[in-house]
Structures are given as structure tokens and as C-alpha cells.
């Protein structure tokens, strides 16, 4: 994969929130994946795609709980891959209030934060 051969690439990495132990395990897995991506010649053209919909893998939590878990994932992306141009989301049925929270997170971590 050569950076000059692509305009943008989205990598889909979806995790389900759950118990504290499940979330810790998911965040550890995400961290490991992001660290491996740092060495890609196309890292500055990558978007990490996160899942944000209501019933992803049977998720039955609250929008607030899910938003907190998504924010932890965004923080990891910014910490480990600060050179990425943005973030992407998959959503087919996310709660409207949750989507507003995600919009604010994107503003906070990608538009207002220095790289």
C-alpha cells in the first residue's frame, strides 16, 4: 500500500460496549491495532470507522453509556494516530441524541484540537 496511490481509506473497527472488563479488553485490542497502523505509509490518509448503531451485536445499553465508550475509542485514535485526518462511523439506526454527542466529539477531537 503506497500513500500516493490512494486518496482516503476507511478501516472499519467495530466494538460493542458491555461490562467494564469487556470494554477494557476491546480498548486494549483497539490500541494494539492502532499501534500497528502507525507504520503504514498511508496513515495520514486513514479514517478509523467506529460502529454507532443501536443493536450492533445485540447492544442494549443506553445512548449515554455507548457515547462514553465511543469517546474512549476516539481518544485512543487521537493519542496513537494524531496524524489521521478524521474519523468515520457506521450507523443505521443510532439515537438522535447520541448522534449529536458524536458530532460534538468530532468537533472537540478533530476540529478544535491541535494535531
Protein backbone atom coordinates (compact mmCIF):
# COMPACT_ATOMS: atom_id res chain seq x y z
CA UNK A 1 0.00 0.00 0.00
CA UNK A 2 1.55 3.24 -1.14
CA UNK A 3 0.36 6.55 0.26
CA UNK A 4 0.47 8.19 -3.16
CA UNK A 5 -1.87 5.58 -4.67
CA UNK A 6 -4.93 6.36 -2.56
CA UNK A 7 -6.92 9.44 -1.64
CA UNK A 8 -8.54 8.11 1.52
CA UNK A 9 -9.01 4.74 3.18
CA UNK A 10 -11.51 3.83 5.89
CA UNK A 11 -10.73 0.95 8.19
CA UNK A 12 -13.77 -0.45 9.97
CA UNK A 13 -13.05 -1.40 13.58
CA UNK A 14 -16.28 -2.01 15.48
CA UNK A 15 -16.50 -2.81 19.18
CA UNK A 16 -19.55 -3.32 21.38
CA UNK A 17 -19.73 -1.71 24.77
CA UNK A 18 -20.50 -4.04 27.66
CA UNK A 19 -19.18 -4.85 31.08
CA UNK A 20 -16.12 -2.92 32.29
CA UNK A 21 -13.96 -5.99 31.60
CA UNK A 22 -15.34 -6.35 28.06
CA UNK A 23 -14.77 -2.67 27.34
CA UNK A 24 -11.23 -2.81 28.74
CA UNK A 25 -10.49 -5.81 26.53
CA UNK A 26 -11.94 -4.05 23.47
CA UNK A 27 -9.91 -0.90 24.13
CA UNK A 28 -6.74 -2.96 24.53
CA UNK A 29 -7.48 -4.66 21.20
CA UNK A 30 -8.12 -1.29 19.54
CA UNK A 31 -4.87 0.10 20.98
CA UNK A 32 -2.90 -2.84 19.54
CA UNK A 33 -4.47 -2.37 16.10
CA UNK A 34 -3.82 1.37 16.07
CA UNK A 35 -0.19 0.91 17.10
CA UNK A 36 0.32 -1.46 14.16
CA UNK A 37 -1.23 1.10 11.79
CA UNK A 38 1.26 3.81 12.80
CA UNK A 39 3.88 2.33 10.48
CA UNK A 40 1.67 2.33 7.39
CA UNK A 41 2.84 4.67 4.64
CA UNK A 42 -0.81 5.69 4.18
CA UNK A 43 -1.55 6.51 7.83
CA UNK A 44 -2.16 10.19 7.04
CA UNK A 45 -4.93 9.14 4.66
CA UNK A 46 -6.71 6.75 7.03
CA UNK A 47 -10.01 7.14 8.77
CA UNK A 48 -10.87 4.71 11.55
CA UNK A 49 -14.51 3.66 11.28
CA UNK A 50 -16.35 3.05 14.56
CA UNK A 51 -19.78 1.44 15.00
CA UNK A 52 -22.52 3.59 16.46
CA UNK A 53 -25.85 1.91 15.99
CA UNK A 54 -28.42 0.74 18.46
CA UNK A 55 -28.48 -3.02 18.01
CA UNK A 56 -24.93 -3.68 16.86
CA UNK A 57 -24.25 -7.25 18.01
CA UNK A 58 -27.22 -7.11 20.35
CA UNK A 59 -26.21 -3.92 22.14
CA UNK A 60 -28.95 -2.91 24.54
CA UNK A 61 -27.19 -0.19 26.55
CA UNK A 62 -28.11 3.45 26.93
CA UNK A 63 -27.05 6.10 24.43
CA UNK A 64 -25.06 7.84 27.19
CA UNK A 65 -23.13 4.66 28.02
CA UNK A 66 -22.41 3.99 24.36
CA UNK A 67 -21.29 7.61 23.85
CA UNK A 68 -18.81 7.25 26.69
CA UNK A 69 -17.35 4.12 25.12
CA UNK A 70 -17.15 5.74 21.68
CA UNK A 71 -15.37 8.73 23.23
CA UNK A 72 -12.73 6.44 24.75
CA UNK A 73 -12.16 4.95 21.29
CA UNK A 74 -11.85 8.41 19.71
CA UNK A 75 -9.36 9.42 22.40
CA UNK A 76 -7.23 6.37 21.57
CA UNK A 77 -7.29 7.22 17.87
CA UNK A 78 -6.16 10.79 18.61
CA UNK A 79 -3.49 9.59 21.07
CA UNK A 80 -1.98 6.90 18.85
CA UNK A 81 -2.73 8.21 15.34
CA UNK A 82 -2.82 12.01 15.69
CA UNK A 83 -1.88 12.32 12.01
CA UNK A 84 -5.17 10.84 10.78
CA UNK A 85 -7.41 13.40 9.08
CA UNK A 86 -10.62 12.37 10.82
CA UNK A 87 -12.84 9.52 11.91
CA UNK A 88 -15.78 7.69 10.39
CA UNK A 89 -18.87 6.00 11.79
CA UNK A 90 -21.24 3.31 10.70
CA UNK A 91 -24.79 3.83 11.83
CA UNK A 92 -28.09 2.56 10.54
CA UNK A 93 -30.32 3.36 13.49
CA UNK A 94 -28.45 5.41 16.11
CA UNK A 95 -30.36 7.52 18.61
CA UNK A 96 -30.62 11.20 17.59
CA UNK A 97 -29.30 12.45 20.93
CA UNK A 98 -26.37 10.05 20.65
CA UNK A 99 -25.55 11.32 17.15
CA UNK A 100 -25.43 14.89 18.49
CA UNK A 101 -22.95 13.74 21.14
CA UNK A 102 -20.81 12.07 18.47
CA UNK A 103 -20.87 15.27 16.38
CA UNK A 104 -19.63 17.21 19.41
CA UNK A 105 -16.86 14.66 19.99
CA UNK A 106 -15.71 15.04 16.40
CA UNK A 107 -15.66 18.80 16.82
CA UNK A 108 -13.73 18.54 20.09
CA UNK A 109 -11.13 15.97 19.00
CA UNK A 110 -10.69 16.77 15.30
CA UNK A 111 -11.68 20.37 14.63
CA UNK A 112 -10.77 22.18 17.84
CA UNK A 113 -7.77 20.12 18.93
CA UNK A 114 -4.31 20.89 17.59
CA UNK A 115 -2.59 17.98 15.85
